[in-house]
Structures are given as C-alpha cells and as structure tokens.
Amino acid sequence: MHDVMLPAHASYVAVQHLDSATLILYSDAGHAFLFQHAKTFATEVTNFLAA
C-alpha cells in the first residue's frame, strides 16, 4: 500500500493559488489528524458546510 503524504510546504504553495482556500495544519498529527483532533476537525467541517 502506498499512502504518500505531501510535505506541508506543498500544501502551502497550493493554497496560495486558490482564492478562497484555507489551510489548516496540525503540527503533531499524521494521517489520523481527524481522529487526533476530532473536535477541532469537526468544527472546521461544520463551518465549511455551513458556508
């Protein structure tokens, strides 16, 4: 299985080219960030869907 993560810098560069994009980085998390930061992640998803 090849589960490749992009470096944070690549995400930062990509978001600079998208007018309404928001980048949220969880410094102490890996692939399971949505479980490691469940409450914060759920809030962000809820805000996104409400927009």
PDB file of N, CA and C in Angstrom:
ATOM      1  N   MET A   1       0.842  -1.175   0.000  1.00  0.00           N
ATOM      2  CA  MET A   1       0.000   0.000   0.000  1.00  0.00           C
ATOM      3  C   MET A   1       0.889   1.241   0.000  1.00  0.00           C
ATOM      4  N   HIS A   2       0.582   2.204  -0.831  1.00  0.00           N
ATOM      5  CA  HIS A   2       1.396   3.408  -0.947  1.00  0.00           C
ATOM      6  C   HIS A   2       0.575   4.616  -0.532  1.00  0.00           C
ATOM      7  N   ASP A   3       0.684   4.978   0.711  1.00  0.00           N
ATOM      8  CA  ASP A   3      -0.054   6.108   1.263  1.00  0.00           C
ATOM      9  C   ASP A   3       0.918   7.266   1.422  1.00  0.00           C
ATOM     10  N   VAL A   4       1.054   8.049   0.385  1.00  0.00           N
ATOM     11  CA  VAL A   4       2.044   9.116   0.354  1.00  0.00           C
ATOM     12  C   VAL A   4       1.441  10.404   0.897  1.00  0.00           C
ATOM     13  N   MET A   5       2.147  11.028   1.826  1.00  0.00           N
ATOM     14  CA  MET A   5       1.723  12.331   2.346  1.00  0.00           C
ATOM     15  C   MET A   5       2.521  13.421   1.635  1.00  0.00           C
ATOM     16  N   LEU A   6       1.861  14.525   1.358  1.00  0.00           N
ATOM     17  CA  LEU A   6       2.550  15.666   0.778  1.00  0.00           C
ATOM     18  C   LEU A   6       3.225  16.461   1.880  1.00  0.00           C
ATOM     19  N   PRO A   7       4.409  16.999   1.614  1.00  0.00           N
ATOM     20  CA  PRO A   7       5.022  17.877   2.608  1.00  0.00           C
ATOM     21  C   PRO A   7       4.122  19.098   2.843  1.00  0.00           C
ATOM     22  N   ALA A   8       4.151  19.639   4.030  1.00  0.00           N
ATOM     23  CA  ALA A   8       3.321  20.805   4.361  1.00  0.00           C
ATOM     24  C   ALA A   8       3.604  21.971   3.411  1.00  0.00           C
ATOM     25  N   HIS A   9       4.834  22.107   2.984  1.00  0.00           N
ATOM     26  CA  HIS A   9       5.185  23.199   2.074  1.00  0.00           C
ATOM     27  C   HIS A   9       4.400  23.107   0.768  1.00  0.00           C
ATOM     28  N   ALA A  10       4.212  21.911   0.255  1.00  0.00           N
ATOM     29  CA  ALA A  10       3.456  21.740  -0.989  1.00  0.00           C
ATOM     30  C   ALA A  10       2.008  22.191  -0.803  1.00  0.00           C
ATOM     31  N   SER A  11       1.434  21.917   0.339  1.00  0.00           N
ATOM     32  CA  SER A  11       0.066  22.366   0.620  1.00  0.00           C
ATOM     33  C   SER A  11       0.009  23.881   0.727  1.00  0.00           C
ATOM     34  N   TYR A  12       1.006  24.462   1.365  1.00  0.00           N
ATOM     35  CA  TYR A  12       1.071  25.922   1.500  1.00  0.00           C
ATOM     36  C   TYR A  12       1.160  26.589   0.130  1.00  0.00           C
ATOM     37  N   VAL A  13       1.981  26.066  -0.745  1.00  0.00           N
ATOM     38  CA  VAL A  13       2.114  26.613  -2.099  1.00  0.00           C
ATOM     39  C   VAL A  13       0.795  26.491  -2.855  1.00  0.00           C
ATOM     40  N   ALA A  14       0.137  25.351  -2.745  1.00  0.00           N
ATOM     41  CA  ALA A  14      -1.130  25.148  -3.447  1.00  0.00           C
ATOM     42  C   ALA A  14      -2.192  26.129  -2.980  1.00  0.00           C
ATOM     43  N   VAL A  15      -2.295  26.353  -1.686  1.00  0.00           N
ATOM     44  CA  VAL A  15      -3.344  27.226  -1.148  1.00  0.00           C
ATOM     45  C   VAL A  15      -3.112  28.689  -1.554  1.00  0.00           C
ATOM     46  N   GLN A  16      -1.905  29.047  -1.877  1.00  0.00           N
ATOM     47  CA  GLN A  16      -1.613  30.409  -2.331  1.00  0.00           C
ATOM     48  C   GLN A  16      -2.247  30.702  -3.691  1.00  0.00           C
ATOM     49  N   HIS A  17      -2.575  29.671  -4.439  1.00  0.00           N
ATOM     50  CA  HIS A  17      -3.135  29.824  -5.777  1.00  0.00           C
ATOM     51  C   HIS A  17      -4.656  29.656  -5.822  1.00  0.00           C
ATOM     52  N   LEU A  18      -5.269  29.478  -4.668  1.00  0.00           N
ATOM     53  CA  LEU A  18      -6.716  29.295  -4.589  1.00  0.00           C
ATOM     54  C   LEU A  18      -7.297  30.416  -3.732  1.00  0.00           C
ATOM     55  N   ASP A  19      -8.081  31.287  -4.358  1.00  0.00           N
ATOM     56  CA  ASP A  19      -8.549  32.498  -3.686  1.00  0.00           C
ATOM     57  C   ASP A  19      -9.269  32.265  -2.362  1.00  0.00           C
ATOM     58  N   SER A  20     -10.123  31.291  -2.289  1.00  0.00           N
ATOM     59  CA  SER A  20     -10.908  31.117  -1.067  1.00  0.00           C
ATOM     60  C   SER A  20     -10.471  29.905  -0.237  1.00  0.00           C
ATOM     61  N   ALA A  21      -9.269  29.434  -0.459  1.00  0.00           N
ATOM     62  CA  ALA A  21      -8.779  28.249   0.252  1.00  0.00           C
ATOM     63  C   ALA A  21      -8.292  28.597   1.653  1.00  0.00           C
ATOM     64  N   THR A  22      -8.424  27.641   2.530  1.00  0.00           N
ATOM     65  CA  THR A  22      -7.898  27.752   3.892  1.00  0.00           C
ATOM     66  C   THR A  22      -7.072  26.508   4.166  1.00  0.00           C
ATOM     67  N   LEU A  23      -5.893  26.713   4.692  1.00  0.00           N
ATOM     68  CA  LEU A  23      -5.016  25.596   5.035  1.00  0.00           C
ATOM     69  C   LEU A  23      -4.930  25.499   6.551  1.00  0.00           C
ATOM     70  N   ILE A  24      -5.216  24.335   7.062  1.00  0.00           N
ATOM     71  CA  ILE A  24      -5.113  24.088   8.497  1.00  0.00           C
ATOM     72  C   ILE A  24      -4.113  22.959   8.687  1.00  0.00           C
ATOM     73  N   LEU A  25      -3.056  23.247   9.420  1.00  0.00           N
ATOM     74  CA  LEU A  25      -2.034  22.239   9.696  1.00  0.00           C
ATOM     75  C   LEU A  25      -2.079  21.865  11.166  1.00  0.00           C
ATOM     76  N   TYR A  26      -2.045  20.588  11.442  1.00  0.00           N
ATOM     77  CA  TYR A  26      -1.978  20.074  12.807  1.00  0.00           C
ATOM     78  C   TYR A  26      -0.554  19.569  13.006  1.00  0.00           C
ATOM     79  N   SER A  27       0.251  20.332  13.723  1.00  0.00           N
ATOM     80  CA  SER A  27       1.686  20.068  13.800  1.00  0.00           C
ATOM     81  C   SER A  27       2.051  18.729  14.436  1.00  0.00           C
ATOM     82  N   ASP A  28       1.218  18.219  15.305  1.00  0.00           N
ATOM     83  CA  ASP A  28       1.569  16.987  15.999  1.00  0.00           C
ATOM     84  C   ASP A  28       0.761  15.785  15.513  1.00  0.00           C
ATOM     85  N   ALA A  29       0.246  15.865  14.301  1.00  0.00           N
ATOM     86  CA  ALA A  29      -0.612  14.793  13.795  1.00  0.00           C
ATOM     87  C   ALA A  29      -0.106  14.266  12.463  1.00  0.00           C
ATOM     88  N   GLY A  30      -0.491  13.066  12.160  1.00  0.00           N
ATOM     89  CA  GLY A  30      -0.134  12.450  10.893  1.00  0.00           C
ATOM     90  C   GLY A  30      -1.373  12.144  10.087  1.00  0.00           C
ATOM     91  N   HIS A  31      -1.452  10.930   9.590  1.00  0.00           N
ATOM     92  CA  HIS A  31      -2.580  10.523   8.764  1.00  0.00           C
ATOM     93  C   HIS A  31      -3.905  10.534   9.524  1.00  0.00           C
ATOM     94  N   ALA A  32      -3.844  10.380  10.819  1.00  0.00           N
ATOM     95  CA  ALA A  32      -5.070  10.265  11.617  1.00  0.00           C
ATOM     96  C   ALA A  32      -5.473  11.585  12.268  1.00  0.00           C
ATOM     97  N   PHE A  33      -5.116  12.704  11.648  1.00  0.00           N
ATOM     98  CA  PHE A  33      -5.401  14.007  12.261  1.00  0.00           C
ATOM     99  C   PHE A  33      -6.867  14.193  12.596  1.00  0.00           C
ATOM    100  N   LEU A  34      -7.764  13.637  11.782  1.00  0.00           N
ATOM    101  CA  LEU A  34      -9.189  13.830  12.044  1.00  0.00           C
ATOM    102  C   LEU A  34      -9.640  13.066  13.278  1.00  0.00           C
ATOM    103  N   PHE A  35      -8.874  12.091  13.723  1.00  0.00           N
ATOM    104  CA  PHE A  35      -9.175  11.394  14.975  1.00  0.00           C
ATOM    105  C   PHE A  35      -8.387  12.006  16.131  1.00  0.00           C
ATOM    106  N   GLN A  36      -7.139  12.418  15.854  1.00  0.00           N
ATOM    107  CA  GLN A  36      -6.305  13.007  16.885  1.00  0.00           C
ATOM    108  C   GLN A  36      -6.831  14.383  17.311  1.00  0.00           C
ATOM    109  N   HIS A  37      -7.466  15.081  16.398  1.00  0.00           N
ATOM    110  CA  HIS A  37      -8.011  16.422  16.660  1.00  0.00           C
ATOM    111  C   HIS A  37      -9.481  16.436  16.255  1.00  0.00           C
ATOM    112  N   ALA A  38     -10.223  15.473  16.734  1.00  0.00           N
ATOM    113  CA  ALA A  38     -11.604  15.261  16.285  1.00  0.00           C
ATOM    114  C   ALA A  38     -12.504  16.473  16.500  1.00  0.00           C
ATOM    115  N   LYS A  39     -12.433  17.090  17.654  1.00  0.00           N
ATOM    116  CA  LYS A  39     -13.331  18.216  17.949  1.00  0.00           C
ATOM    117  C   LYS A  39     -13.028  19.412  17.041  1.00  0.00           C
ATOM    118  N   THR A  40     -11.762  19.750  16.912  1.00  0.00           N
ATOM    119  CA  THR A  40     -11.366  20.872  16.054  1.00  0.00           C
ATOM    120  C   THR A  40     -11.707  20.580  14.600  1.00  0.00           C
ATOM    121  N   PHE A  41     -11.418  19.361  14.162  1.00  0.00           N
ATOM    122  CA  PHE A  41     -11.709  18.975  12.782  1.00  0.00           C
ATOM    123  C   PHE A  41     -13.208  19.033  12.504  1.00  0.00           C
ATOM    124  N   ALA A  42     -14.012  18.519  13.432  1.00  0.00           N
ATOM    125  CA  ALA A  42     -15.465  18.535  13.247  1.00  0.00           C
ATOM    126  C   ALA A  42     -15.995  19.969  13.169  1.00  0.00           C
ATOM    127  N   THR A  43     -15.440  20.847  13.981  1.00  0.00           N
ATOM    128  CA  THR A  43     -15.842  22.258  13.935  1.00  0.00           C
ATOM    129  C   THR A  43     -15.514  22.868  12.586  1.00  0.00           C
ATOM    130  N   GLU A  44     -14.332  22.597  12.063  1.00  0.00           N
ATOM    131  CA  GLU A  44     -13.931  23.130  10.765  1.00  0.00           C
ATOM    132  C   GLU A  44     -14.829  22.602   9.646  1.00  0.00           C
ATOM    133  N   VAL A  45     -15.156  21.322   9.683  1.00  0.00           N
ATOM    134  CA  VAL A  45     -16.037  20.735   8.668  1.00  0.00           C
ATOM    135  C   VAL A  45     -17.431  21.353   8.759  1.00  0.00           C
ATOM    136  N   THR A  46     -17.924  21.502   9.972  1.00  0.00           N
ATOM    137  CA  THR A  46     -19.249  22.108  10.169  1.00  0.00           C
ATOM    138  C   THR A  46     -19.283  23.534   9.641  1.00  0.00           C
ATOM    139  N   ASN A  47     -18.240  24.310   9.934  1.00  0.00           N
ATOM    140  CA  ASN A  47     -18.166  25.689   9.428  1.00  0.00           C
ATOM    141  C   ASN A  47     -18.111  25.720   7.904  1.00  0.00           C
ATOM    142  N   PHE A  48     -17.353  24.807   7.319  1.00  0.00           N
ATOM    143  CA  PHE A  48     -17.245  24.732   5.869  1.00  0.00           C
ATOM    144  C   PHE A  48     -18.597  24.420   5.235  1.00  0.00           C
ATOM    145  N   LEU A  49     -19.283  23.441   5.780  1.00  0.00           N
ATOM    146  CA  LEU A  49     -20.564  23.036   5.220  1.00  0.00           C
ATOM    147  C   LEU A  49     -21.647  24.105   5.415  1.00  0.00           C
ATOM    148  N   ALA A  50     -21.506  24.904   6.461  1.00  0.00           N
ATOM    149  CA  ALA A  50     -22.496  25.963   6.725  1.00  0.00           C
ATOM    150  C   ALA A  50     -22.278  27.194   5.858  1.00  0.00           C
ATOM    151  N   ALA A  51     -21.115  27.301   5.272  1.00  0.00           N
ATOM    152  CA  ALA A  51     -20.783  28.498   4.472  1.00  0.00           C
ATOM    153  C   ALA A  51     -21.511  28.503   3.147  1.00  0.00           C
TER     154      ALA A  51
END
